[in-house]
């Protein structure tokens, strides 16, 4: 009789980082202050300044690679970082709150797409309204923002099967922004993390 072991790891993320006692009105007042600017305005006091979005891609698992169509199917986490000059605060005035979360529908979000997406070019893989309404951007008191998007993606790759079955394929995951007027730049300081990826049988 075989024996197998399953290990489950639970990672918890808190909504607020606080010191001491926190009264709900302080959270409410902070959120009111952070959402008093239109979510459609670029998060720069000088609207001609550039905003840089830094991207970390964590590949969770490769689901499939179709050599004929050159389609790579994978699950991944995209983590986006930027700075919002309107979302800063003195944590001493708000009960010691040093970080908080705002719903994506109430704050500025970068407009990003998968350039080589197959079935969809959207980075946002929401399947229902509940997922959208519970999704949030995390802010620290200095205005640094981060947003996590997890989903399954399909991208096109250049397929070369001349050495089959010993062929190798290189897939590029290409992001772009169509919001040219806001002068968004994209960088990838952290690159791609594959340390947590589940191995594929092939």
N, C-alpha and C. Protein backbone atom coordinates (compact mmCIF):
# COMPACT_ATOMS: atom_id res chain seq x y z
N UNK A 1 0.85 -1.20 0.00
CA UNK A 1 0.00 0.00 0.00
C UNK A 1 0.89 1.24 0.00
N UNK A 2 0.63 2.16 -0.92
CA UNK A 2 1.44 3.36 -1.04
C UNK A 2 1.17 4.37 0.06
N UNK A 3 2.12 5.26 0.23
CA UNK A 3 1.98 6.32 1.23
C UNK A 3 2.27 7.65 0.58
N UNK A 4 1.43 8.60 0.80
CA UNK A 4 1.66 9.93 0.24
C UNK A 4 1.45 10.97 1.32
N UNK A 5 2.10 12.11 1.12
CA UNK A 5 2.01 13.19 2.10
C UNK A 5 1.61 14.47 1.38
N UNK A 6 0.68 15.18 1.96
CA UNK A 6 0.23 16.45 1.41
C UNK A 6 0.55 17.55 2.40
N UNK A 7 1.29 18.52 1.93
CA UNK A 7 1.63 19.67 2.77
C UNK A 7 0.89 20.89 2.25
N UNK A 8 0.20 21.58 3.13
CA UNK A 8 -0.56 22.77 2.76
C UNK A 8 0.04 23.96 3.49
N UNK A 9 0.35 24.99 2.73
CA UNK A 9 0.92 26.20 3.31
C UNK A 9 -0.10 27.33 3.21
N UNK A 10 -0.36 27.98 4.31
CA UNK A 10 -1.31 29.09 4.35
C UNK A 10 -0.56 30.39 4.57
N UNK A 11 -0.75 31.33 3.66
CA UNK A 11 -0.12 32.64 3.76
C UNK A 11 -1.21 33.67 4.01
N UNK A 12 -1.05 34.44 5.04
CA UNK A 12 -2.06 35.43 5.42
C UNK A 12 -1.55 36.83 5.16
N UNK A 13 -2.41 37.66 4.56
CA UNK A 13 -2.09 39.06 4.32
C UNK A 13 -3.11 39.90 5.08
N UNK A 14 -2.65 40.88 5.84
CA UNK A 14 -3.56 41.73 6.59
C UNK A 14 -3.91 42.97 5.80
N UNK A 15 -5.09 43.52 6.06
CA UNK A 15 -5.54 44.72 5.38
C UNK A 15 -4.87 45.97 5.91
N UNK A 16 -4.57 45.98 7.19
CA UNK A 16 -4.03 47.18 7.82
C UNK A 16 -2.82 46.84 8.66
N UNK A 17 -1.82 47.71 8.65
CA UNK A 17 -0.69 47.57 9.54
C UNK A 17 -0.80 48.68 10.57
N UNK A 18 -1.01 48.32 11.84
CA UNK A 18 -1.27 49.32 12.86
C UNK A 18 -0.45 49.02 14.11
N UNK A 19 -0.36 50.02 14.96
CA UNK A 19 0.29 49.87 16.25
C UNK A 19 -0.68 50.37 17.30
N UNK A 20 -0.94 49.56 18.33
CA UNK A 20 -1.86 49.98 19.38
C UNK A 20 -3.31 49.72 19.01
N UNK A 21 -4.21 50.52 19.58
CA UNK A 21 -5.64 50.36 19.35
C UNK A 21 -6.06 51.14 18.11
N UNK A 22 -6.90 50.51 17.30
CA UNK A 22 -7.37 51.15 16.08
C UNK A 22 -8.89 51.24 16.12
N UNK A 23 -9.41 52.45 16.01
CA UNK A 23 -10.85 52.68 16.01
C UNK A 23 -11.33 52.78 14.57
N UNK A 24 -12.48 52.19 14.26
CA UNK A 24 -12.95 52.10 12.88
C UNK A 24 -13.10 53.47 12.22
N UNK A 25 -13.40 54.51 13.02
CA UNK A 25 -13.57 55.84 12.42
C UNK A 25 -12.26 56.36 11.84
N UNK A 26 -11.14 55.94 12.40
CA UNK A 26 -9.85 56.37 11.85
C UNK A 26 -9.61 55.75 10.48
N UNK A 27 -10.02 54.49 10.33
CA UNK A 27 -9.93 53.82 9.03
C UNK A 27 -10.87 54.50 8.04
N UNK A 28 -12.07 54.78 8.50
CA UNK A 28 -13.07 55.43 7.64
C UNK A 28 -12.58 56.80 7.19
N UNK A 29 -12.03 57.58 8.10
CA UNK A 29 -11.54 58.92 7.76
C UNK A 29 -10.38 58.84 6.77
N UNK A 30 -9.51 57.85 6.96
CA UNK A 30 -8.39 57.69 6.04
C UNK A 30 -8.88 57.34 4.65
N UNK A 31 -9.83 56.42 4.56
CA UNK A 31 -10.34 56.01 3.25
C UNK A 31 -11.06 57.16 2.55
N UNK A 32 -11.75 57.98 3.31
CA UNK A 32 -12.39 59.16 2.72
C UNK A 32 -11.35 60.12 2.16
N UNK A 33 -10.27 60.31 2.90
CA UNK A 33 -9.20 61.21 2.45
C UNK A 33 -8.51 60.67 1.20
N UNK A 34 -8.36 59.35 1.12
CA UNK A 34 -7.64 58.75 -0.01
C UNK A 34 -8.49 58.65 -1.28
N UNK A 35 -9.79 58.73 -1.12
CA UNK A 35 -10.67 58.59 -2.29
C UNK A 35 -11.33 59.91 -2.68
N UNK A 36 -10.79 61.05 -2.21
CA UNK A 36 -11.39 62.34 -2.56
C UNK A 36 -10.90 62.87 -3.90
N UNK A 37 -10.03 62.09 -4.57
CA UNK A 37 -9.55 62.44 -5.91
C UNK A 37 -10.13 61.46 -6.91
N UNK A 38 -10.49 61.94 -8.08
CA UNK A 38 -11.08 61.08 -9.10
C UNK A 38 -10.14 59.93 -9.46
N UNK A 39 -10.70 58.74 -9.59
CA UNK A 39 -9.91 57.57 -9.95
C UNK A 39 -9.47 57.61 -11.41
N UNK A 40 -10.00 58.56 -12.17
CA UNK A 40 -9.65 58.68 -13.58
C UNK A 40 -8.46 59.62 -13.82
N UNK A 41 -7.97 60.24 -12.74
CA UNK A 41 -6.84 61.16 -12.87
C UNK A 41 -5.54 60.43 -12.56
N UNK A 42 -4.54 60.60 -13.41
CA UNK A 42 -3.24 59.99 -13.19
C UNK A 42 -2.70 60.40 -11.83
N UNK A 43 -2.13 59.47 -11.07
CA UNK A 43 -1.70 59.77 -9.70
C UNK A 43 -0.41 60.58 -9.62
N UNK A 44 -0.41 61.72 -10.29
CA UNK A 44 0.72 62.64 -10.26
C UNK A 44 0.20 64.06 -10.04
N UNK A 45 0.83 64.79 -9.13
CA UNK A 45 0.44 66.18 -8.90
C UNK A 45 0.69 66.98 -10.16
N UNK A 46 1.86 66.80 -10.76
CA UNK A 46 2.13 67.37 -12.08
C UNK A 46 1.72 66.33 -13.12
N UNK A 47 0.63 66.57 -13.81
CA UNK A 47 0.05 65.59 -14.71
C UNK A 47 0.93 65.26 -15.91
N UNK A 48 2.01 66.03 -16.14
CA UNK A 48 2.92 65.71 -17.24
C UNK A 48 4.03 64.75 -16.81
N UNK A 49 4.12 64.47 -15.51
CA UNK A 49 5.15 63.54 -15.02
C UNK A 49 4.80 62.11 -15.40
N UNK A 50 5.83 61.32 -15.67
CA UNK A 50 5.63 59.92 -15.99
C UNK A 50 5.28 59.13 -14.74
N UNK A 51 4.61 58.01 -14.96
CA UNK A 51 4.37 57.06 -13.88
C UNK A 51 4.90 55.71 -14.33
N UNK A 52 5.73 55.11 -13.50
CA UNK A 52 6.31 53.81 -13.86
C UNK A 52 5.59 52.68 -13.13
N UNK A 53 5.26 51.64 -13.89
CA UNK A 53 4.67 50.43 -13.33
C UNK A 53 5.74 49.35 -13.37
N UNK A 54 6.10 48.83 -12.20
CA UNK A 54 7.07 47.75 -12.15
C UNK A 54 6.31 46.43 -11.99
N UNK A 55 6.73 45.42 -12.74
CA UNK A 55 5.98 44.17 -12.84
C UNK A 55 6.82 43.00 -12.33
N UNK A 56 6.23 42.21 -11.44
CA UNK A 56 6.80 40.93 -11.03
C UNK A 56 5.85 39.83 -11.49
N UNK A 57 6.37 38.89 -12.25
CA UNK A 57 5.57 37.75 -12.72
C UNK A 57 6.01 36.51 -11.97
N UNK A 58 5.07 35.86 -11.30
CA UNK A 58 5.34 34.59 -10.63
C UNK A 58 4.56 33.50 -11.36
N UNK A 59 5.27 32.60 -12.03
CA UNK A 59 4.61 31.51 -12.75
C UNK A 59 4.27 30.41 -11.75
N UNK A 60 2.97 30.12 -11.63
CA UNK A 60 2.53 29.11 -10.66
C UNK A 60 2.57 27.70 -11.24
N UNK A 61 2.14 27.56 -12.50
CA UNK A 61 2.15 26.25 -13.14
C UNK A 61 1.97 26.41 -14.64
N UNK A 62 2.65 25.56 -15.41
CA UNK A 62 2.40 25.48 -16.85
C UNK A 62 1.36 24.39 -17.07
N UNK A 63 0.24 24.78 -17.60
CA UNK A 63 -0.85 23.84 -17.80
C UNK A 63 -0.68 23.03 -19.08
N UNK A 64 -0.26 23.73 -20.14
CA UNK A 64 -0.17 23.04 -21.43
C UNK A 64 0.64 23.89 -22.41
N UNK A 65 1.29 23.18 -23.35
CA UNK A 65 1.90 23.86 -24.48
C UNK A 65 1.53 23.10 -25.74
N UNK A 66 0.84 23.77 -26.65
CA UNK A 66 0.42 23.16 -27.91
C UNK A 66 1.43 23.52 -28.98
N UNK A 67 2.21 22.51 -29.42
CA UNK A 67 3.26 22.75 -30.41
C UNK A 67 2.69 23.18 -31.75
N UNK A 68 1.52 22.69 -32.10
CA UNK A 68 0.93 22.99 -33.41
C UNK A 68 0.52 24.46 -33.49
N UNK A 69 -0.25 24.91 -32.50
CA UNK A 69 -0.73 26.31 -32.51
C UNK A 69 0.28 27.27 -31.88
N UNK A 70 1.23 26.72 -31.14
CA UNK A 70 2.20 27.57 -30.44
C UNK A 70 1.57 28.33 -29.30
N UNK A 71 0.63 27.69 -28.59
CA UNK A 71 -0.07 28.33 -27.49
C UNK A 71 0.40 27.78 -26.15
N UNK A 72 0.86 28.68 -25.28
CA UNK A 72 1.26 28.32 -23.93
C UNK A 72 0.13 28.69 -22.98
N UNK A 73 -0.31 27.72 -22.17
CA UNK A 73 -1.33 27.96 -21.16
C UNK A 73 -0.69 27.81 -19.78
N UNK A 74 -0.82 28.83 -18.96
CA UNK A 74 -0.17 28.80 -17.64
C UNK A 74 -0.99 29.59 -16.63
N UNK A 75 -0.81 29.25 -15.37
CA UNK A 75 -1.40 30.05 -14.30
C UNK A 75 -0.27 30.87 -13.68
N UNK A 76 -0.58 32.11 -13.35
CA UNK A 76 0.47 33.00 -12.86
C UNK A 76 -0.11 34.10 -11.99
N UNK A 77 0.79 34.73 -11.26
CA UNK A 77 0.45 35.90 -10.45
C UNK A 77 1.23 37.09 -10.99
N UNK A 78 0.52 38.13 -11.37
CA UNK A 78 1.15 39.38 -11.76
C UNK A 78 1.07 40.33 -10.57
N UNK A 79 2.21 40.85 -10.15
CA UNK A 79 2.24 41.82 -9.07
C UNK A 79 2.76 43.13 -9.62
N UNK A 80 1.94 44.17 -9.52
CA UNK A 80 2.27 45.48 -10.08
C UNK A 80 2.57 46.47 -8.95
N UNK A 81 3.61 47.28 -9.15
CA UNK A 81 4.01 48.28 -8.16
C UNK A 81 4.06 49.66 -8.82
N UNK A 82 3.60 50.69 -8.13
CA UNK A 82 3.73 52.07 -8.59
C UNK A 82 3.60 53.00 -7.39
N UNK A 83 3.78 54.27 -7.63
CA UNK A 83 3.63 55.25 -6.56
C UNK A 83 2.51 56.22 -6.91
N UNK A 84 1.65 56.47 -5.94
CA UNK A 84 0.50 57.36 -6.11
C UNK A 84 0.71 58.58 -5.21
N UNK A 85 0.95 59.74 -5.84
CA UNK A 85 1.25 60.94 -5.06
C UNK A 85 0.04 61.49 -4.31
N UNK A 86 -1.17 61.04 -4.66
CA UNK A 86 -2.36 61.48 -3.95
C UNK A 86 -2.68 60.60 -2.75
N UNK A 87 -2.08 59.43 -2.69
CA UNK A 87 -2.42 58.45 -1.64
C UNK A 87 -1.31 58.39 -0.59
N UNK A 88 -0.98 59.53 -0.03
CA UNK A 88 -0.01 59.59 1.07
C UNK A 88 -0.69 60.17 2.30
N UNK A 89 -0.19 59.80 3.47
CA UNK A 89 -0.79 60.32 4.69
C UNK A 89 0.21 60.24 5.85
N UNK A 90 -0.08 61.03 6.87
CA UNK A 90 0.68 61.01 8.11
C UNK A 90 0.02 59.97 9.01
N UNK A 91 0.70 58.84 9.22
CA UNK A 91 0.06 57.76 9.98
C UNK A 91 -0.24 58.14 11.43
N UNK A 92 0.45 59.16 11.95
CA UNK A 92 0.17 59.60 13.32
C UNK A 92 -1.21 60.26 13.44
N UNK A 93 -1.74 60.74 12.31
CA UNK A 93 -3.06 61.38 12.33
C UNK A 93 -4.18 60.37 12.12
N UNK A 94 -3.83 59.14 11.81
CA UNK A 94 -4.85 58.12 11.53
C UNK A 94 -4.58 56.85 12.34
N UNK A 95 -4.40 57.02 13.64
CA UNK A 95 -4.30 55.87 14.52
C UNK A 95 -3.11 54.97 14.28
N UNK A 96 -2.06 55.48 13.66
CA UNK A 96 -0.87 54.67 13.42
C UNK A 96 -0.96 53.76 12.21
N UNK A 97 -1.96 53.97 11.35
CA UNK A 97 -2.10 53.12 10.16
C UNK A 97 -0.96 53.42 9.18
N UNK A 98 -0.20 52.39 8.84
CA UNK A 98 0.91 52.57 7.91
C UNK A 98 0.61 51.96 6.54
N UNK A 99 -0.45 51.16 6.45
CA UNK A 99 -0.83 50.57 5.16
C UNK A 99 -2.30 50.24 5.19
N UNK A 100 -2.93 50.33 4.02
CA UNK A 100 -4.35 50.00 3.92
C UNK A 100 -4.67 49.56 2.51
N UNK A 101 -5.90 49.11 2.28
CA UNK A 101 -6.33 48.66 0.96
C UNK A 101 -7.54 49.46 0.50
N UNK A 102 -7.58 49.73 -0.80
CA UNK A 102 -8.73 50.41 -1.40
C UNK A 102 -9.26 49.54 -2.54
N UNK A 103 -10.59 49.46 -2.68
CA UNK A 103 -11.17 48.67 -3.77
C UNK A 103 -10.70 49.18 -5.13
N UNK A 104 -10.50 48.28 -6.09
CA UNK A 104 -10.02 48.68 -7.41
C UNK A 104 -11.01 49.61 -8.11
N UNK A 105 -12.28 49.53 -7.75
CA UNK A 105 -13.29 50.37 -8.38
C UNK A 105 -13.28 51.80 -7.83
N UNK A 106 -12.50 52.05 -6.78
CA UNK A 106 -12.50 53.38 -6.16
C UNK A 106 -11.14 54.08 -6.24
N UNK A 107 -10.23 53.51 -7.01
CA UNK A 107 -8.89 54.10 -7.08
C UNK A 107 -8.32 53.96 -8.48
N UNK A 108 -7.25 54.71 -8.76
CA UNK A 108 -6.63 54.66 -10.08
C UNK A 108 -5.97 53.32 -10.30
N UNK A 109 -6.15 52.79 -11.51
CA UNK A 109 -5.53 51.52 -11.90
C UNK A 109 -4.87 51.69 -13.26
N UNK A 110 -3.70 51.08 -13.48
CA UNK A 110 -3.07 51.16 -14.80
C UNK A 110 -3.83 50.33 -15.83
N UNK A 111 -3.85 50.81 -17.07
CA UNK A 111 -4.50 50.08 -18.16
C UNK A 111 -3.44 49.24 -18.86
N UNK A 112 -3.47 47.92 -18.61
CA UNK A 112 -2.45 47.02 -19.12
C UNK A 112 -3.08 45.86 -19.88
N UNK A 113 -2.35 45.38 -20.89
CA UNK A 113 -2.84 44.28 -21.70
C UNK A 113 -1.72 43.30 -22.00
N UNK A 114 -2.12 42.07 -22.33
CA UNK A 114 -1.19 41.07 -22.86
C UNK A 114 -1.10 41.28 -24.36
N UNK A 115 0.06 41.65 -24.85
CA UNK A 115 0.23 41.91 -26.28
C UNK A 115 0.02 40.64 -27.09
N UNK A 116 0.49 39.50 -26.58
CA UNK A 116 0.39 38.25 -27.34
C UNK A 116 -0.59 37.27 -26.72
N UNK A 117 -1.66 37.80 -26.10
CA UNK A 117 -2.71 36.94 -25.57
C UNK A 117 -3.45 36.24 -26.71
N UNK A 118 -3.88 35.01 -26.46
CA UNK A 118 -4.54 34.22 -27.51
C UNK A 118 -6.05 34.42 -27.47
N UNK A 119 -6.69 34.05 -26.37
CA UNK A 119 -8.15 34.15 -26.29
C UNK A 119 -8.60 35.49 -25.73
N UNK A 120 -7.73 36.12 -24.99
CA UNK A 120 -8.05 37.43 -24.41
C UNK A 120 -6.75 38.19 -24.20
N UNK A 121 -6.80 39.50 -24.36
CA UNK A 121 -5.62 40.33 -24.14
C UNK A 121 -5.63 40.99 -22.76
N UNK A 122 -6.63 40.67 -21.97
CA UNK A 122 -6.76 41.32 -20.67
C UNK A 122 -5.92 40.63 -19.60
N UNK A 123 -5.26 41.43 -18.79
CA UNK A 123 -4.54 40.92 -17.62
C UNK A 123 -5.53 40.55 -16.52
N UNK A 124 -6.66 41.25 -16.50
CA UNK A 124 -7.63 41.07 -15.44
C UNK A 124 -8.54 39.89 -15.77
N UNK A 125 -8.45 38.84 -14.97
CA UNK A 125 -9.14 37.58 -15.27
C UNK A 125 -10.37 37.37 -14.39
N UNK A 126 -11.04 38.45 -14.04
CA UNK A 126 -12.23 38.31 -13.20
C UNK A 126 -13.32 37.54 -13.94
N UNK A 127 -14.03 36.70 -13.19
CA UNK A 127 -15.12 35.92 -13.80
C UNK A 127 -16.49 36.34 -13.28
N UNK A 128 -16.54 37.15 -12.22
CA UNK A 128 -17.83 37.60 -11.71
C UNK A 128 -17.65 38.92 -10.95
N UNK A 129 -18.76 39.56 -10.64
CA UNK A 129 -18.73 40.86 -9.96
C UNK A 129 -18.14 40.78 -8.56
N UNK A 130 -18.34 39.66 -7.88
CA UNK A 130 -17.81 39.52 -6.53
C UNK A 130 -16.29 39.59 -6.53
N UNK A 131 -15.66 38.98 -7.51
CA UNK A 131 -14.20 39.03 -7.60
C UNK A 131 -13.71 40.46 -7.82
N UNK A 132 -14.45 41.21 -8.63
CA UNK A 132 -14.07 42.60 -8.88
C UNK A 132 -14.24 43.44 -7.62
N UNK A 133 -15.38 43.29 -6.95
CA UNK A 133 -15.69 44.12 -5.80
C UNK A 133 -14.81 43.83 -4.59
N UNK A 134 -14.25 42.63 -4.52
CA UNK A 134 -13.38 42.30 -3.38
C UNK A 134 -11.90 42.46 -3.71
N UNK A 135 -11.59 42.84 -4.93
CA UNK A 135 -10.21 43.06 -5.33
C UNK A 135 -9.77 44.45 -4.88
N UNK A 136 -8.51 44.56 -4.42
CA UNK A 136 -8.08 45.83 -3.83
C UNK A 136 -6.62 46.12 -4.16
N UNK A 137 -6.28 47.41 -4.10
CA UNK A 137 -4.91 47.88 -4.22
C UNK A 137 -4.40 48.19 -2.82
N UNK A 138 -3.20 47.74 -2.51
CA UNK A 138 -2.60 47.99 -1.20
C UNK A 138 -1.72 49.24 -1.27
N UNK A 139 -1.92 50.15 -0.32
CA UNK A 139 -1.15 51.39 -0.26
C UNK A 139 -0.41 51.49 1.06
N UNK A 140 0.80 52.02 1.00
CA UNK A 140 1.52 52.37 2.21
C UNK A 140 1.47 53.89 2.37
N UNK A 141 1.83 54.38 3.55
CA UNK A 141 1.66 55.80 3.86
C UNK A 141 2.49 56.71 2.95
N UNK A 142 3.54 56.17 2.33
CA UNK A 142 4.36 56.99 1.43
C UNK A 142 3.85 56.98 -0.01
N UNK A 143 2.68 56.36 -0.23
CA UNK A 143 2.07 56.37 -1.55
C UNK A 143 2.44 55.19 -2.43
N UNK A 144 3.30 54.31 -1.95
CA UNK A 144 3.64 53.13 -2.74
C UNK A 144 2.46 52.18 -2.80
N UNK A 145 2.14 51.75 -4.02
CA UNK A 145 0.97 50.91 -4.25
C UNK A 145 1.38 49.58 -4.84
N UNK A 146 0.61 48.55 -4.54
CA UNK A 146 0.83 47.23 -5.13
C UNK A 146 -0.52 46.58 -5.41
N UNK A 147 -0.55 45.83 -6.49
CA UNK A 147 -1.78 45.15 -6.88
C UNK A 147 -1.44 43.76 -7.40
N UNK A 148 -2.16 42.75 -6.90
CA UNK A 148 -1.93 41.36 -7.28
C UNK A 148 -3.08 40.85 -8.14
N UNK A 149 -2.74 40.25 -9.28
CA UNK A 149 -3.73 39.63 -10.16
C UNK A 149 -3.31 38.20 -10.43
N UNK A 150 -4.19 37.26 -10.10
CA UNK A 150 -3.90 35.83 -10.29
C UNK A 150 -4.89 35.27 -11.30
N UNK A 151 -4.40 34.47 -12.23
CA UNK A 151 -5.32 33.88 -13.20
C UNK A 151 -4.63 32.91 -14.13
N UNK A 152 -5.42 32.38 -15.07
CA UNK A 152 -4.89 31.50 -16.11
C UNK A 152 -4.80 32.30 -17.40
N UNK A 153 -3.66 32.18 -18.08
CA UNK A 153 -3.39 32.97 -19.27
C UNK A 153 -2.99 32.08 -20.44
N UNK A 154 -3.27 32.58 -21.64
CA UNK A 154 -2.90 31.88 -22.87
C UNK A 154 -2.14 32.87 -23.74
N UNK A 155 -0.90 32.53 -24.08
CA UNK A 155 -0.10 33.42 -24.93
C UNK A 155 0.43 32.64 -26.13
N UNK A 156 0.66 33.37 -27.21
CA UNK A 156 1.19 32.74 -28.42
C UNK A 156 2.70 32.76 -28.38
N UNK A 157 3.30 31.66 -28.84
CA UNK A 157 4.75 31.51 -28.87
C UNK A 157 5.16 31.07 -30.27
N UNK A 158 6.41 31.32 -30.62
CA UNK A 158 6.94 30.83 -31.88
C UNK A 158 7.28 29.35 -31.72
N UNK A 159 6.63 28.52 -32.52
CA UNK A 159 6.80 27.09 -32.39
C UNK A 159 7.71 26.55 -33.49
N UNK A 160 8.72 25.79 -33.09
CA UNK A 160 9.65 25.16 -34.03
C UNK A 160 9.81 23.70 -33.64
N UNK A 161 9.24 22.80 -34.44
CA UNK A 161 9.22 21.38 -34.12
C UNK A 161 10.18 20.59 -35.02
N UNK A 162 11.15 21.27 -35.61
CA UNK A 162 12.06 20.57 -36.51
C UNK A 162 12.92 19.54 -35.78
N UNK A 163 13.14 19.71 -34.50
CA UNK A 163 13.94 18.76 -33.72
C UNK A 163 13.09 17.84 -32.87
N UNK A 164 11.79 17.77 -33.15
CA UNK A 164 10.88 16.93 -32.37
C UNK A 164 11.40 15.50 -32.31
N UNK A 165 11.37 14.77 -31.18
CA UNK A 165 10.75 15.17 -29.91
C UNK A 165 11.70 15.88 -28.95
N UNK A 166 12.82 16.40 -29.43
CA UNK A 166 13.78 17.09 -28.58
C UNK A 166 13.75 18.60 -28.82
N UNK A 167 12.60 19.07 -29.25
CA UNK A 167 12.48 20.48 -29.56
C UNK A 167 12.39 21.32 -28.28
N UNK A 168 12.84 22.55 -28.39
CA UNK A 168 12.73 23.51 -27.31
C UNK A 168 12.00 24.75 -27.82
N UNK A 169 11.26 25.37 -26.94
CA UNK A 169 10.46 26.52 -27.35
C UNK A 169 10.69 27.68 -26.38
N UNK A 170 10.72 28.86 -26.92
CA UNK A 170 10.89 30.06 -26.12
C UNK A 170 9.62 30.90 -26.23
N UNK A 171 9.03 31.18 -25.08
CA UNK A 171 7.79 31.96 -25.05
C UNK A 171 8.04 33.31 -24.38
N UNK A 172 7.56 34.34 -24.98
CA UNK A 172 7.67 35.69 -24.44
C UNK A 172 6.30 36.14 -23.95
N UNK A 173 6.26 36.64 -22.73
CA UNK A 173 5.02 37.21 -22.18
C UNK A 173 5.17 38.72 -22.26
N UNK A 174 4.41 39.31 -23.17
CA UNK A 174 4.59 40.73 -23.50
C UNK A 174 3.43 41.57 -22.99
N UNK A 175 3.74 42.58 -22.17
CA UNK A 175 2.72 43.49 -21.65
C UNK A 175 2.84 44.84 -22.34
N UNK A 176 1.71 45.50 -22.49
CA UNK A 176 1.74 46.85 -23.03
C UNK A 176 0.63 47.67 -22.40
N UNK A 177 0.76 48.97 -22.50
CA UNK A 177 -0.29 49.87 -22.06
C UNK A 177 -0.79 50.65 -23.27
N UNK A 178 -2.09 50.79 -23.37
CA UNK A 178 -2.68 51.56 -24.46
C UNK A 178 -3.02 52.98 -24.02
N UNK A 179 -2.75 53.26 -22.76
CA UNK A 179 -3.07 54.58 -22.21
C UNK A 179 -1.88 55.51 -22.40
N UNK A 180 -1.58 55.82 -23.65
CA UNK A 180 -0.38 56.59 -23.98
C UNK A 180 -0.40 58.01 -23.41
N UNK A 181 -1.58 58.58 -23.26
CA UNK A 181 -1.66 59.97 -22.82
C UNK A 181 -1.17 60.15 -21.40
N UNK A 182 -1.21 59.09 -20.58
CA UNK A 182 -0.78 59.22 -19.19
C UNK A 182 0.71 59.00 -19.04
N UNK A 183 1.42 58.74 -20.13
CA UNK A 183 2.87 58.56 -20.11
C UNK A 183 3.29 57.51 -19.09
N UNK A 184 2.75 56.32 -19.24
CA UNK A 184 3.10 55.19 -18.38
C UNK A 184 4.30 54.46 -18.96
N UNK A 185 5.25 54.12 -18.10
CA UNK A 185 6.37 53.29 -18.52
C UNK A 185 6.29 51.96 -17.76
N UNK A 186 6.79 50.91 -18.39
CA UNK A 186 6.78 49.58 -17.78
C UNK A 186 8.21 49.10 -17.58
N UNK A 187 8.49 48.60 -16.38
CA UNK A 187 9.78 47.99 -16.09
C UNK A 187 9.54 46.68 -15.36
N UNK A 188 10.60 45.88 -15.24
CA UNK A 188 10.51 44.62 -14.51
C UNK A 188 11.77 44.42 -13.69
N UNK A 189 11.84 45.15 -12.59
CA UNK A 189 13.01 45.07 -11.72
C UNK A 189 13.17 43.67 -11.13
N UNK A 190 12.05 43.04 -10.78
CA UNK A 190 12.08 41.73 -10.14
C UNK A 190 12.04 40.58 -11.16
N UNK A 191 11.62 40.86 -12.38
CA UNK A 191 11.62 39.85 -13.42
C UNK A 191 10.58 38.76 -13.22
N UNK A 192 10.97 37.53 -13.49
CA UNK A 192 10.07 36.38 -13.39
C UNK A 192 10.53 35.47 -12.26
N UNK A 193 9.59 35.09 -11.41
CA UNK A 193 9.89 34.16 -10.32
C UNK A 193 9.24 32.82 -10.63
N UNK A 194 10.05 31.78 -10.70
CA UNK A 194 9.51 30.45 -11.00
C UNK A 194 9.76 29.45 -9.87
N UNK A 195 10.27 29.94 -8.74
CA UNK A 195 10.60 29.07 -7.64
C UNK A 195 9.41 28.34 -7.05
N UNK A 196 8.21 28.90 -7.19
CA UNK A 196 7.02 28.27 -6.62
C UNK A 196 6.22 27.51 -7.67
N UNK A 197 6.75 27.42 -8.89
CA UNK A 197 6.00 26.78 -9.96
C UNK A 197 5.93 25.28 -9.79
N UNK A 198 4.75 24.72 -10.10
CA UNK A 198 4.58 23.27 -10.08
C UNK A 198 5.14 22.71 -11.38
N UNK A 199 5.93 21.63 -11.31
CA UNK A 199 6.51 21.06 -12.53
C UNK A 199 5.46 20.47 -13.45
N UNK A 200 5.69 20.59 -14.75
CA UNK A 200 4.79 20.01 -15.74
C UNK A 200 5.33 18.65 -16.17
N UNK A 201 4.43 17.72 -16.46
CA UNK A 201 4.84 16.34 -16.77
C UNK A 201 5.76 16.27 -17.98
N UNK A 202 5.58 17.16 -18.93
CA UNK A 202 6.40 17.16 -20.13
C UNK A 202 7.71 17.92 -19.94
